Amino acid sequence: MRYPLFALVIVFLSLGCATAKVEVLKAPPQRVNKVSLSFKPGPGARMTEDQQSRLRSTLTSALASSGIAVVSKTDGGVPALDGTIERYEPGNRALRYFVGFGAGKASFASSWTLTEPSGAVISECRVTGSLSIGGFGGSYDDVLDKVGDQLRGCLGS
């Protein structure tokens, strides 16, 4: 009996409890299969170049796994998915692990606009994510993965 309980505790400790949700403010008339992707940190989001690069890579991978190709802005006739990162707070993993109860909480908030090459806005959404507890403090990368999965909601997926 002791070993299954120990295994269950190990599995729990290895999991994080990251969440993300999308609020679609304006849905596109049809599913979008190809976009150019750009974002900028807003005043409330202090991001290093490395964090921006990691976020771009995570979002590109998440969209690709949903069948949405991310291409260069120089490709003509492709809608532009432009975002503003309003909050980028990885929190403190050690506090999440040792203290819990919301200490060291990680959070993410962003606003996105999908614009046709003509300049017409065809979709708008907000994507938020958080992590307040998790095995070994959880990883902020889990939040970013879930944010990427939710972003496709802005593209009609």
Foldseek 3Di string as FASTA:
>chain_A
DVVVVVVVVVVQLQWFDKAKAKDWPFAFPAFAQEEAEEEEEDPAADDDPVRVVLLVVLLQVLSVVVRHHHDHPPPPFHKYKYKYWDHFFFFDLVCQAPPAPQHRKTKTKMKIWTATPVGHTRIIMMMMMITRHGNSSDGVVVNSNNSSNNVSRRRRD
